[in-house]
């Protein structure tokens, strides 16, 4: 079951690569996005950041403005090609193809960990194993931040089904006319806290109108 979910998600984002950043153009979401951009830059000022599921590098650009360095990773060559084409300082930022569920052993331990809009695509049963793997690349007392979508009726794509594990799904359409069923979970504040409380300290959750921010010390 995991393999079919993951394979379809990888395929969807490969096909969506050229369309991906349009989601950040919605007028009603601009106030929230400005707040998140400020938060991301402030949180990782001077940090060496490991980014999971960087996609097209939208958030990598903002990380790079204040962080000492960023290693941004994604499993999709299609989105990484777009990320690498951005005007980002390649002396401080590098991109690598990596599987979020099988992160490599690295000589460096990072003082910051970040991921934008990845948490919602992780099956609930895999959250803990993902976090354990993620934390292995981080230094002691690293700052960690996840951001993702809150469900807003009338703005969010409707949920079409819930499986036996409690994971929820949406049907999405791309410009080429293809349809894709995409796993997309919308955790509550208590679910987010429970997911990290055994692995983290100073856990903070903030829900904006359209997004949530989870931050903690690993």
N, C-alpha and C. Protein backbone atom coordinates (compact mmCIF):
# COMPACT_ATOMS: atom_id res chain seq x y z
N UNK A 1 0.84 -1.21 0.00
CA UNK A 1 0.00 0.00 0.00
C UNK A 1 0.87 1.25 0.00
N UNK A 2 1.93 1.28 0.86
CA UNK A 2 2.81 2.43 0.89
C UNK A 2 3.41 2.70 -0.48
N UNK A 3 3.85 1.63 -1.15
CA UNK A 3 4.54 1.81 -2.43
C UNK A 3 3.62 2.46 -3.45
N UNK A 4 2.35 2.04 -3.51
CA UNK A 4 1.44 2.61 -4.50
C UNK A 4 1.15 4.07 -4.20
N UNK A 5 1.01 4.42 -2.92
CA UNK A 5 0.80 5.81 -2.53
C UNK A 5 2.00 6.65 -2.92
N UNK A 6 3.19 6.17 -2.59
CA UNK A 6 4.40 6.94 -2.86
C UNK A 6 4.66 7.08 -4.35
N UNK A 7 4.47 6.00 -5.09
CA UNK A 7 4.71 6.04 -6.53
C UNK A 7 3.77 7.03 -7.21
N UNK A 8 2.51 7.01 -6.82
CA UNK A 8 1.55 7.93 -7.44
C UNK A 8 1.86 9.37 -7.06
N UNK A 9 2.33 9.60 -5.84
CA UNK A 9 2.67 10.96 -5.41
C UNK A 9 3.88 11.49 -6.18
N UNK A 10 4.89 10.65 -6.34
CA UNK A 10 6.08 11.05 -7.10
C UNK A 10 5.69 11.38 -8.54
N UNK A 11 4.87 10.55 -9.14
CA UNK A 11 4.43 10.78 -10.51
C UNK A 11 3.64 12.07 -10.63
N UNK A 12 2.75 12.31 -9.69
CA UNK A 12 1.93 13.52 -9.71
C UNK A 12 2.80 14.77 -9.67
N UNK A 13 3.76 14.82 -8.74
CA UNK A 13 4.58 16.02 -8.63
C UNK A 13 5.57 16.17 -9.79
N UNK A 14 5.98 15.08 -10.38
CA UNK A 14 6.80 15.18 -11.60
C UNK A 14 5.99 15.84 -12.72
N UNK A 15 4.74 15.41 -12.86
CA UNK A 15 3.88 15.97 -13.90
C UNK A 15 3.46 17.40 -13.60
N UNK A 16 3.43 17.75 -12.32
CA UNK A 16 2.96 19.07 -11.90
C UNK A 16 4.08 20.10 -11.80
N UNK A 17 5.30 19.69 -12.03
CA UNK A 17 6.46 20.54 -11.75
C UNK A 17 6.32 21.95 -12.30
N UNK A 18 5.92 22.07 -13.57
CA UNK A 18 5.85 23.39 -14.20
C UNK A 18 4.68 24.23 -13.68
N UNK A 19 3.69 23.58 -13.06
CA UNK A 19 2.51 24.28 -12.56
C UNK A 19 2.58 24.56 -11.06
N UNK A 20 3.55 23.96 -10.38
CA UNK A 20 3.50 23.87 -8.93
C UNK A 20 3.36 25.21 -8.22
N UNK A 21 4.16 26.20 -8.59
CA UNK A 21 4.22 27.43 -7.79
C UNK A 21 3.01 28.33 -7.96
N UNK A 22 2.11 27.98 -8.85
CA UNK A 22 0.89 28.79 -9.00
C UNK A 22 0.05 28.79 -7.73
N UNK A 23 0.21 27.74 -6.92
CA UNK A 23 -0.56 27.68 -5.67
C UNK A 23 -0.23 28.84 -4.75
N UNK A 24 0.96 29.42 -4.91
CA UNK A 24 1.37 30.54 -4.07
C UNK A 24 0.89 31.89 -4.60
N UNK A 25 0.14 31.88 -5.69
CA UNK A 25 -0.32 33.12 -6.30
C UNK A 25 -1.74 33.50 -5.88
N UNK A 26 -2.40 32.63 -5.11
CA UNK A 26 -3.78 32.93 -4.72
C UNK A 26 -3.83 34.22 -3.89
N UNK A 27 -4.60 35.22 -4.32
CA UNK A 27 -4.59 36.52 -3.64
C UNK A 27 -4.95 36.46 -2.16
N UNK A 28 -5.93 35.63 -1.82
CA UNK A 28 -6.40 35.59 -0.44
C UNK A 28 -5.38 35.00 0.53
N UNK A 29 -4.35 34.34 0.00
CA UNK A 29 -3.36 33.68 0.86
C UNK A 29 -2.09 34.51 1.07
N UNK A 30 -2.03 35.69 0.48
CA UNK A 30 -0.77 36.44 0.51
C UNK A 30 -0.37 36.92 1.90
N UNK A 31 -1.31 37.32 2.72
CA UNK A 31 -0.96 37.76 4.08
C UNK A 31 -0.34 36.61 4.88
N UNK A 32 -0.94 35.44 4.79
CA UNK A 32 -0.39 34.27 5.48
C UNK A 32 1.00 33.94 4.96
N UNK A 33 1.17 33.98 3.65
CA UNK A 33 2.47 33.62 3.06
C UNK A 33 3.56 34.61 3.46
N UNK A 34 3.22 35.89 3.52
CA UNK A 34 4.21 36.88 3.98
C UNK A 34 4.64 36.59 5.41
N UNK A 35 3.67 36.23 6.27
CA UNK A 35 3.99 35.91 7.65
C UNK A 35 4.89 34.68 7.75
N UNK A 36 4.59 33.66 6.95
CA UNK A 36 5.40 32.44 6.97
C UNK A 36 6.81 32.72 6.45
N UNK A 37 6.94 33.50 5.40
CA UNK A 37 8.27 33.82 4.87
C UNK A 37 9.13 34.51 5.91
N UNK A 38 8.54 35.46 6.63
CA UNK A 38 9.28 36.14 7.71
C UNK A 38 9.68 35.14 8.79
N UNK A 39 8.77 34.27 9.15
CA UNK A 39 9.02 33.29 10.20
C UNK A 39 10.15 32.34 9.80
N UNK A 40 10.12 31.87 8.56
CA UNK A 40 11.15 30.94 8.07
C UNK A 40 12.53 31.61 8.12
N UNK A 41 12.61 32.84 7.65
CA UNK A 41 13.90 33.52 7.60
C UNK A 41 14.43 33.83 9.00
N UNK A 42 13.54 34.22 9.89
CA UNK A 42 13.97 34.51 11.26
C UNK A 42 14.41 33.26 12.00
N UNK A 43 13.68 32.17 11.81
CA UNK A 43 13.96 30.93 12.54
C UNK A 43 15.33 30.35 12.17
N UNK A 44 15.71 30.49 10.90
CA UNK A 44 16.93 29.83 10.44
C UNK A 44 18.07 30.80 10.13
N UNK A 45 18.01 31.98 10.74
CA UNK A 45 19.09 32.95 10.56
C UNK A 45 20.42 32.34 11.02
N UNK A 46 21.39 32.27 10.12
CA UNK A 46 22.71 31.77 10.46
C UNK A 46 22.82 30.27 10.61
N UNK A 47 21.75 29.52 10.32
CA UNK A 47 21.76 28.07 10.52
C UNK A 47 22.23 27.34 9.27
N UNK A 48 22.72 26.11 9.48
CA UNK A 48 22.98 25.18 8.39
C UNK A 48 21.75 24.28 8.29
N UNK A 49 21.00 24.44 7.21
CA UNK A 49 19.65 23.87 7.12
C UNK A 49 19.61 22.68 6.16
N UNK A 50 18.96 21.62 6.62
CA UNK A 50 18.65 20.47 5.76
C UNK A 50 17.17 20.56 5.44
N UNK A 51 16.85 20.65 4.15
CA UNK A 51 15.46 20.76 3.71
C UNK A 51 15.01 19.47 3.04
N UNK A 52 13.88 18.96 3.48
CA UNK A 52 13.28 17.74 2.91
C UNK A 52 12.15 18.14 1.97
N UNK A 53 12.07 17.45 0.82
CA UNK A 53 10.99 17.66 -0.15
C UNK A 53 10.91 19.13 -0.56
N UNK A 54 12.02 19.63 -1.08
CA UNK A 54 12.12 21.05 -1.42
C UNK A 54 11.31 21.43 -2.64
N UNK A 55 10.90 20.43 -3.45
CA UNK A 55 10.12 20.74 -4.64
C UNK A 55 10.88 21.65 -5.58
N UNK A 56 10.22 22.68 -6.06
CA UNK A 56 10.80 23.60 -7.03
C UNK A 56 11.70 24.66 -6.40
N UNK A 57 11.94 24.54 -5.11
CA UNK A 57 12.85 25.46 -4.44
C UNK A 57 12.23 26.77 -4.02
N UNK A 58 10.91 26.84 -3.99
CA UNK A 58 10.23 28.09 -3.59
C UNK A 58 10.68 28.53 -2.21
N UNK A 59 10.65 27.61 -1.24
CA UNK A 59 11.03 27.96 0.13
C UNK A 59 12.54 27.98 0.30
N UNK A 60 13.26 27.24 -0.53
CA UNK A 60 14.72 27.26 -0.47
C UNK A 60 15.24 28.67 -0.72
N UNK A 61 14.61 29.39 -1.63
CA UNK A 61 15.02 30.77 -1.91
C UNK A 61 14.97 31.64 -0.66
N UNK A 62 13.91 31.48 0.12
CA UNK A 62 13.77 32.30 1.33
C UNK A 62 14.71 31.84 2.43
N UNK A 63 14.88 30.53 2.56
CA UNK A 63 15.87 30.02 3.51
C UNK A 63 17.25 30.58 3.21
N UNK A 64 17.60 30.60 1.93
CA UNK A 64 18.95 30.98 1.52
C UNK A 64 19.28 32.44 1.84
N UNK A 65 18.29 33.26 2.02
CA UNK A 65 18.54 34.68 2.28
C UNK A 65 19.16 34.92 3.66
N UNK A 66 18.86 34.04 4.62
CA UNK A 66 19.33 34.26 5.99
C UNK A 66 20.17 33.11 6.54
N UNK A 67 20.00 31.91 6.01
CA UNK A 67 20.73 30.75 6.52
C UNK A 67 22.20 30.81 6.11
N UNK A 68 23.05 30.15 6.89
CA UNK A 68 24.46 30.05 6.53
C UNK A 68 24.64 29.12 5.34
N UNK A 69 23.86 28.03 5.31
CA UNK A 69 23.89 27.09 4.19
C UNK A 69 22.59 26.32 4.15
N UNK A 70 22.27 25.78 2.97
CA UNK A 70 21.08 24.96 2.81
C UNK A 70 21.43 23.77 1.91
N UNK A 71 21.10 22.57 2.38
CA UNK A 71 21.11 21.39 1.53
C UNK A 71 19.66 21.01 1.32
N UNK A 72 19.17 21.22 0.10
CA UNK A 72 17.77 21.00 -0.21
C UNK A 72 17.62 19.71 -1.01
N UNK A 73 16.69 18.86 -0.59
CA UNK A 73 16.56 17.54 -1.20
C UNK A 73 15.14 17.28 -1.69
N UNK A 74 15.04 16.47 -2.72
CA UNK A 74 13.74 16.03 -3.21
C UNK A 74 13.97 14.75 -4.01
N UNK A 75 12.93 13.95 -4.15
CA UNK A 75 13.05 12.69 -4.88
C UNK A 75 12.85 12.87 -6.39
N UNK A 76 12.33 14.04 -6.80
CA UNK A 76 11.93 14.27 -8.18
C UNK A 76 12.95 15.07 -8.96
N UNK A 77 13.51 14.49 -9.99
CA UNK A 77 14.44 15.23 -10.85
C UNK A 77 13.75 16.41 -11.53
N UNK A 78 12.47 16.26 -11.85
CA UNK A 78 11.75 17.31 -12.57
C UNK A 78 11.66 18.60 -11.75
N UNK A 79 11.34 18.47 -10.47
CA UNK A 79 11.25 19.69 -9.65
C UNK A 79 12.64 20.22 -9.30
N UNK A 80 13.60 19.32 -9.12
CA UNK A 80 14.96 19.76 -8.82
C UNK A 80 15.56 20.56 -9.97
N UNK A 81 15.22 20.21 -11.19
CA UNK A 81 15.71 20.97 -12.35
C UNK A 81 15.23 22.42 -12.27
N UNK A 82 13.99 22.62 -11.87
CA UNK A 82 13.45 23.97 -11.72
C UNK A 82 14.14 24.68 -10.55
N UNK A 83 14.31 23.97 -9.44
CA UNK A 83 14.97 24.56 -8.27
C UNK A 83 16.38 25.03 -8.61
N UNK A 84 17.10 24.22 -9.35
CA UNK A 84 18.49 24.57 -9.69
C UNK A 84 18.58 25.75 -10.65
N UNK A 85 17.49 26.03 -11.35
CA UNK A 85 17.49 27.14 -12.31
C UNK A 85 17.23 28.49 -11.65
N UNK A 86 16.89 28.48 -10.38
CA UNK A 86 16.57 29.72 -9.68
C UNK A 86 17.85 30.50 -9.35
N UNK A 87 17.72 31.82 -9.20
CA UNK A 87 18.89 32.65 -8.88
C UNK A 87 19.27 32.55 -7.40
N UNK A 88 19.74 31.38 -7.01
CA UNK A 88 20.11 31.11 -5.62
C UNK A 88 21.63 30.96 -5.55
N UNK A 89 22.24 31.49 -4.50
CA UNK A 89 23.69 31.44 -4.33
C UNK A 89 24.16 29.99 -4.19
N UNK A 90 24.80 29.48 -5.24
CA UNK A 90 25.21 28.07 -5.20
C UNK A 90 26.46 27.83 -4.37
N UNK A 91 27.01 28.90 -3.80
CA UNK A 91 28.10 28.72 -2.84
C UNK A 91 27.56 28.29 -1.47
N UNK A 92 26.33 28.65 -1.21
CA UNK A 92 25.73 28.34 0.10
C UNK A 92 24.58 27.34 0.01
N UNK A 93 24.06 27.11 -1.19
CA UNK A 93 22.90 26.24 -1.36
C UNK A 93 23.22 25.15 -2.37
N UNK A 94 22.88 23.93 -2.01
CA UNK A 94 23.04 22.81 -2.94
C UNK A 94 21.78 21.96 -2.93
N UNK A 95 21.54 21.31 -4.06
CA UNK A 95 20.36 20.46 -4.23
C UNK A 95 20.81 19.03 -4.47
N UNK A 96 20.10 18.07 -3.86
CA UNK A 96 20.41 16.66 -4.05
C UNK A 96 19.13 15.86 -4.18
N UNK A 97 19.20 14.83 -5.00
CA UNK A 97 18.07 13.92 -5.11
C UNK A 97 18.15 12.89 -3.99
N UNK A 98 17.17 12.92 -3.10
CA UNK A 98 17.12 11.99 -1.97
C UNK A 98 15.68 11.61 -1.68
N UNK A 99 15.51 10.41 -1.18
CA UNK A 99 14.21 9.90 -0.74
C UNK A 99 14.01 10.33 0.71
N UNK A 100 12.93 11.03 0.99
CA UNK A 100 12.66 11.51 2.35
C UNK A 100 12.57 10.38 3.36
N UNK A 101 12.23 9.19 2.90
CA UNK A 101 12.11 8.05 3.81
C UNK A 101 13.41 7.26 3.97
N UNK A 102 14.43 7.65 3.24
CA UNK A 102 15.72 6.94 3.32
C UNK A 102 16.85 7.97 3.18
N UNK A 103 16.88 8.90 4.10
CA UNK A 103 17.88 9.97 4.03
C UNK A 103 19.27 9.40 4.28
N UNK A 104 20.27 9.96 3.62
CA UNK A 104 21.62 9.38 3.70
C UNK A 104 22.32 9.72 5.02
N UNK A 105 23.35 8.96 5.33
CA UNK A 105 24.24 9.32 6.44
C UNK A 105 25.20 10.37 5.90
N UNK A 106 25.28 11.49 6.57
CA UNK A 106 26.11 12.60 6.11
C UNK A 106 27.13 12.96 7.19
N UNK A 107 28.31 13.42 6.79
CA UNK A 107 29.31 13.79 7.79
C UNK A 107 28.90 15.03 8.58
N UNK A 108 28.13 15.90 7.95
CA UNK A 108 27.69 17.12 8.62
C UNK A 108 26.41 16.87 9.40
N UNK A 109 26.29 17.51 10.56
CA UNK A 109 25.04 17.52 11.29
C UNK A 109 24.48 18.94 11.20
N UNK A 110 23.23 19.05 10.78
CA UNK A 110 22.65 20.35 10.47
C UNK A 110 21.99 20.97 11.70
N UNK A 111 22.11 22.29 11.81
CA UNK A 111 21.55 23.00 12.97
C UNK A 111 20.11 23.45 12.73
N UNK A 112 19.60 23.18 11.53
CA UNK A 112 18.22 23.50 11.20
C UNK A 112 17.63 22.43 10.29
N UNK A 113 16.36 22.13 10.47
CA UNK A 113 15.65 21.20 9.61
C UNK A 113 14.34 21.81 9.17
N UNK A 114 14.04 21.75 7.89
CA UNK A 114 12.85 22.42 7.36
C UNK A 114 12.18 21.57 6.31
N UNK A 115 10.85 21.65 6.27
CA UNK A 115 10.10 21.05 5.17
C UNK A 115 8.78 21.80 5.00
N UNK A 116 8.50 22.17 3.77
CA UNK A 116 7.25 22.86 3.46
C UNK A 116 6.33 22.00 2.62
N UNK A 117 5.15 21.72 3.13
CA UNK A 117 4.09 21.04 2.39
C UNK A 117 4.44 19.60 2.05
N UNK A 118 5.15 18.98 2.96
CA UNK A 118 5.47 17.55 2.83
C UNK A 118 4.72 16.73 3.88
N UNK A 119 4.60 17.27 5.08
CA UNK A 119 3.96 16.53 6.18
C UNK A 119 2.61 15.97 5.75
N UNK A 120 1.81 16.76 5.06
CA UNK A 120 0.44 16.36 4.70
C UNK A 120 0.41 15.18 3.74
N UNK A 121 1.55 14.88 3.09
CA UNK A 121 1.61 13.77 2.16
C UNK A 121 2.20 12.50 2.77
N UNK A 122 2.53 12.54 4.04
CA UNK A 122 3.08 11.37 4.72
C UNK A 122 1.93 10.54 5.30
N UNK A 123 1.82 9.26 4.96
CA UNK A 123 0.80 8.44 5.61
C UNK A 123 0.97 8.51 7.13
N UNK A 124 -0.12 8.57 7.85
CA UNK A 124 -0.05 8.72 9.31
C UNK A 124 0.82 7.64 9.95
N UNK A 125 0.77 6.44 9.40
CA UNK A 125 1.53 5.33 9.97
C UNK A 125 3.03 5.48 9.76
N UNK A 126 3.45 6.42 8.92
CA UNK A 126 4.88 6.58 8.63
C UNK A 126 5.49 7.85 9.25
N UNK A 127 4.69 8.63 9.94
CA UNK A 127 5.19 9.89 10.49
C UNK A 127 6.38 9.66 11.41
N UNK A 128 6.26 8.73 12.34
CA UNK A 128 7.33 8.53 13.33
C UNK A 128 8.62 8.02 12.68
N UNK A 129 8.51 7.09 11.75
CA UNK A 129 9.72 6.58 11.11
C UNK A 129 10.36 7.67 10.26
N UNK A 130 9.55 8.48 9.59
CA UNK A 130 10.12 9.61 8.85
C UNK A 130 10.87 10.57 9.77
N UNK A 131 10.24 10.93 10.88
CA UNK A 131 10.86 11.88 11.81
C UNK A 131 12.17 11.34 12.38
N UNK A 132 12.20 10.07 12.71
CA UNK A 132 13.44 9.49 13.24
C UNK A 132 14.57 9.58 12.21
N UNK A 133 14.25 9.28 10.95
CA UNK A 133 15.25 9.40 9.91
C UNK A 133 15.68 10.84 9.67
N UNK A 134 14.75 11.74 9.72
CA UNK A 134 15.03 13.17 9.54
C UNK A 134 15.94 13.68 10.66
N UNK A 135 15.62 13.30 11.88
CA UNK A 135 16.40 13.79 13.03
C UNK A 135 17.83 13.26 13.02
N UNK A 136 18.06 12.15 12.35
CA UNK A 136 19.43 11.61 12.31
C UNK A 136 20.40 12.51 11.56
N UNK A 137 19.90 13.36 10.68
CA UNK A 137 20.81 14.27 9.96
C UNK A 137 20.98 15.60 10.69
N UNK A 138 20.28 15.76 11.81
CA UNK A 138 20.31 17.03 12.55
C UNK A 138 21.22 16.95 13.77
N UNK A 139 21.76 18.09 14.14
CA UNK A 139 22.57 18.17 15.35
C UNK A 139 21.68 18.21 16.58
N UNK A 140 22.28 17.99 17.73
CA UNK A 140 21.55 18.13 18.99
C UNK A 140 21.09 19.57 19.12
N UNK A 141 19.84 19.75 19.51
CA UNK A 141 19.24 21.08 19.70
C UNK A 141 19.03 21.84 18.39
N UNK A 142 18.92 21.12 17.28
CA UNK A 142 18.61 21.78 16.00
C UNK A 142 17.20 22.35 16.03
N UNK A 143 17.01 23.46 15.35
CA UNK A 143 15.68 24.03 15.18
C UNK A 143 15.00 23.37 13.99
N UNK A 144 13.75 23.00 14.17
CA UNK A 144 13.01 22.30 13.12
C UNK A 144 11.70 23.04 12.86
N UNK A 145 11.33 23.11 11.60
CA UNK A 145 10.05 23.74 11.24
C UNK A 145 9.41 22.99 10.07
N UNK A 146 8.12 22.73 10.24
CA UNK A 146 7.27 22.23 9.16
C UNK A 146 6.17 23.24 8.92
N UNK A 147 5.84 23.47 7.67
CA UNK A 147 4.67 24.28 7.33
C UNK A 147 3.81 23.49 6.36
N UNK A 148 2.49 23.72 6.43
CA UNK A 148 1.61 22.99 5.53
C UNK A 148 0.23 23.64 5.52
N UNK A 149 -0.66 23.05 4.75
CA UNK A 149 -2.00 23.61 4.57
C UNK A 149 -2.95 23.28 5.70
N UNK A 150 -3.74 24.27 6.09
CA UNK A 150 -4.94 24.03 6.90
C UNK A 150 -6.09 23.82 5.92
N UNK A 151 -7.07 23.04 6.33
CA UNK A 151 -8.22 22.82 5.44
C UNK A 151 -9.20 23.98 5.59
N UNK A 152 -9.48 24.63 4.47
CA UNK A 152 -10.42 25.75 4.46
C UNK A 152 -11.49 25.46 3.41
N UNK A 153 -12.68 25.22 3.86
CA UNK A 153 -13.78 24.91 2.94
C UNK A 153 -13.98 26.05 1.95
N UNK A 154 -14.09 25.69 0.69
CA UNK A 154 -14.27 26.69 -0.35
C UNK A 154 -12.95 27.14 -0.97
N UNK A 155 -11.84 26.88 -0.28
CA UNK A 155 -10.53 27.23 -0.81
C UNK A 155 -9.70 25.98 -1.06
N UNK A 156 -9.73 25.05 -0.12
CA UNK A 156 -8.99 23.80 -0.28
C UNK A 156 -9.71 22.86 -1.24
N UNK A 157 -8.95 22.03 -1.94
CA UNK A 157 -9.54 20.98 -2.75
C UNK A 157 -10.29 20.02 -1.83
N UNK A 158 -11.54 19.68 -2.14
CA UNK A 158 -12.31 18.82 -1.23
C UNK A 158 -11.66 17.45 -1.02
N UNK A 159 -11.86 16.91 0.17
CA UNK A 159 -11.43 15.55 0.47
C UNK A 159 -12.45 14.59 -0.16
N UNK A 160 -11.94 13.61 -0.90
CA UNK A 160 -12.85 12.70 -1.60
C UNK A 160 -13.02 11.36 -0.90
N UNK A 161 -12.02 10.96 -0.11
CA UNK A 161 -12.20 9.71 0.64
C UNK A 161 -11.21 9.65 1.80
N UNK A 162 -11.53 8.79 2.74
CA UNK A 162 -10.66 8.50 3.88
C UNK A 162 -10.45 6.99 3.91
N UNK A 163 -9.18 6.56 4.02
CA UNK A 163 -8.93 5.11 3.99
C UNK A 163 -8.99 4.51 5.39
N UNK A 164 -8.71 3.21 5.47
CA UNK A 164 -8.85 2.50 6.74
C UNK A 164 -7.83 2.94 7.78
N UNK A 165 -6.78 3.66 7.36
CA UNK A 165 -5.76 4.14 8.29
C UNK A 165 -6.02 5.58 8.75
N UNK A 166 -7.08 6.17 8.24
CA UNK A 166 -7.39 7.56 8.59
C UNK A 166 -6.74 8.58 7.69
N UNK A 167 -6.04 8.13 6.65
CA UNK A 167 -5.45 9.05 5.69
C UNK A 167 -6.52 9.55 4.73
N UNK A 168 -6.44 10.84 4.38
CA UNK A 168 -7.44 11.43 3.50
C UNK A 168 -6.84 11.75 2.13
N UNK A 169 -7.71 11.81 1.13
CA UNK A 169 -7.27 11.95 -0.26
C UNK A 169 -8.08 13.01 -0.99
N UNK A 170 -7.41 13.61 -1.99
CA UNK A 170 -8.05 14.56 -2.90
C UNK A 170 -7.88 14.08 -4.34
N UNK A 171 -8.81 14.47 -5.20
CA UNK A 171 -8.63 14.29 -6.64
C UNK A 171 -8.17 15.62 -7.21
N UNK A 172 -7.05 15.58 -7.93
CA UNK A 172 -6.50 16.80 -8.51
C UNK A 172 -6.36 16.65 -10.03
N UNK A 173 -6.53 17.78 -10.71
CA UNK A 173 -6.43 17.81 -12.16
C UNK A 173 -5.23 18.66 -12.57
N UNK A 174 -4.55 18.23 -13.61
CA UNK A 174 -3.44 18.99 -14.16
C UNK A 174 -3.81 19.55 -15.54
N UNK A 175 -3.00 20.47 -16.02
CA UNK A 175 -3.30 21.14 -17.29
C UNK A 175 -3.37 20.16 -18.46
N UNK A 176 -2.66 19.05 -18.35
CA UNK A 176 -2.68 18.08 -19.45
C UNK A 176 -3.95 17.24 -19.47
N UNK A 177 -4.85 17.53 -18.54
CA UNK A 177 -6.13 16.83 -18.47
C UNK A 177 -6.12 15.59 -17.60
N UNK A 178 -4.96 15.22 -17.08
CA UNK A 178 -4.86 14.02 -16.23
C UNK A 178 -5.43 14.29 -14.84
N UNK A 179 -5.95 13.23 -14.24
CA UNK A 179 -6.45 13.31 -12.86
C UNK A 179 -5.60 12.42 -11.99
N UNK A 180 -5.42 12.84 -10.74
CA UNK A 180 -4.54 12.13 -9.82
C UNK A 180 -5.19 12.12 -8.44
N UNK A 181 -5.21 10.94 -7.81
CA UNK A 181 -5.63 10.87 -6.42
C UNK A 181 -4.39 11.07 -5.55
N UNK A 182 -4.45 12.08 -4.69
CA UNK A 182 -3.29 12.49 -3.90
C UNK A 182 -3.61 12.39 -2.42
N UNK A 183 -2.73 11.70 -1.67
CA UNK A 183 -2.87 11.66 -0.22
C UNK A 183 -2.60 13.06 0.32
N UNK A 184 -3.53 13.59 1.10
CA UNK A 184 -3.37 14.94 1.67
C UNK A 184 -4.08 14.97 3.02
N UNK A 185 -3.28 14.91 4.09
CA UNK A 185 -3.83 14.93 5.44
C UNK A 185 -3.85 16.35 6.00
N UNK A 186 -4.79 16.62 6.87
CA UNK A 186 -4.92 17.92 7.52
C UNK A 186 -4.94 17.71 9.04
N UNK A 187 -3.77 17.62 9.66
CA UNK A 187 -3.71 17.30 11.09
C UNK A 187 -4.23 18.43 11.96
N UNK A 188 -4.72 18.06 13.12
CA UNK A 188 -5.11 19.04 14.14
C UNK A 188 -3.88 19.45 14.94
N UNK A 189 -4.04 20.47 15.74
CA UNK A 189 -2.94 20.91 16.61
C UNK A 189 -2.50 19.78 17.54
N UNK A 190 -3.45 19.09 18.13
CA UNK A 190 -3.09 18.02 19.06
C UNK A 190 -2.39 16.86 18.35
N UNK A 191 -2.78 16.56 17.12
CA UNK A 191 -2.10 15.50 16.37
C UNK A 191 -0.65 15.88 16.07
N UNK A 192 -0.42 17.13 15.75
CA UNK A 192 0.95 17.60 15.48
C UNK A 192 1.81 17.51 16.73
N UNK A 193 1.27 17.96 17.84
CA UNK A 193 2.02 17.92 19.10
C UNK A 193 2.32 16.47 19.49
N UNK A 194 1.33 15.61 19.39
CA UNK A 194 1.53 14.21 19.76
C UNK A 194 2.56 13.53 18.87
N UNK A 195 2.64 13.92 17.62
CA UNK A 195 3.57 13.29 16.68
C UNK A 195 5.02 13.55 17.04
N UNK A 196 5.29 14.71 17.65
CA UNK A 196 6.70 15.08 17.89
C UNK A 196 7.08 15.13 19.36
N UNK A 197 6.13 15.04 20.28
CA UNK A 197 6.43 15.33 21.68
C UNK A 197 7.48 14.40 22.28
N UNK A 198 7.57 13.16 21.80
CA UNK A 198 8.56 12.24 22.35
C UNK A 198 9.95 12.47 21.76
N UNK A 199 10.04 13.29 20.71
CA UNK A 199 11.30 13.52 20.00
C UNK A 199 11.79 14.96 20.13
N UNK A 200 11.00 15.81 20.77
CA UNK A 200 11.27 17.24 20.67
C UNK A 200 11.01 17.98 21.98
N UNK A 201 11.54 19.19 22.03
CA UNK A 201 11.23 20.10 23.13
C UNK A 201 10.81 21.45 22.54
N UNK A 202 10.26 22.31 23.39
CA UNK A 202 9.82 23.65 22.96
C UNK A 202 8.93 23.56 21.72
N UNK A 203 7.92 22.69 21.77
CA UNK A 203 7.03 22.48 20.64
C UNK A 203 6.02 23.62 20.54
N UNK A 204 5.93 24.21 19.36
CA UNK A 204 4.99 25.29 19.12
C UNK A 204 4.20 25.01 17.84
N UNK A 205 2.89 25.25 17.92
CA UNK A 205 2.03 25.10 16.75
C UNK A 205 1.22 26.37 16.58
N UNK A 206 1.22 26.90 15.37
CA UNK A 206 0.42 28.09 15.08
C UNK A 206 -0.41 27.83 13.83
N UNK A 207 -1.71 28.02 13.95
CA UNK A 207 -2.59 27.91 12.80
C UNK A 207 -2.94 29.31 12.31
N UNK A 208 -2.61 29.59 11.05
CA UNK A 208 -3.04 30.80 10.38
C UNK A 208 -4.37 30.49 9.69
N UNK A 209 -4.82 31.36 8.81
CA UNK A 209 -6.08 31.11 8.12
C UNK A 209 -5.97 29.93 7.17
N UNK A 210 -4.88 29.89 6.39
CA UNK A 210 -4.75 28.88 5.35
C UNK A 210 -3.63 27.86 5.59
N UNK A 211 -2.81 28.10 6.59
CA UNK A 211 -1.63 27.26 6.80
C UNK A 211 -1.41 27.04 8.29
N UNK A 212 -0.57 26.04 8.59
CA UNK A 212 -0.10 25.87 9.96
C UNK A 212 1.42 25.82 9.97
N UNK A 213 1.98 26.16 11.13
CA UNK A 213 3.43 26.14 11.35
C UNK A 213 3.71 25.32 12.60
N UNK A 214 4.52 24.28 12.45
CA UNK A 214 4.98 23.48 13.58
C UNK A 214 6.48 23.72 13.73
N UNK A 215 6.89 24.16 14.91
CA UNK A 215 8.31 24.37 15.15
C UNK A 215 8.68 23.78 16.50
N UNK A 216 9.92 23.30 16.61
CA UNK A 216 10.39 22.69 17.84
C UNK A 216 11.91 22.57 17.83
N UNK A 217 12.46 22.13 18.94
CA UNK A 217 13.89 21.86 19.04
C UNK A 217 14.06 20.35 19.08
N UNK A 218 14.88 19.84 18.18
CA UNK A 218 15.06 18.38 18.08
C UNK A 218 15.93 17.86 19.20
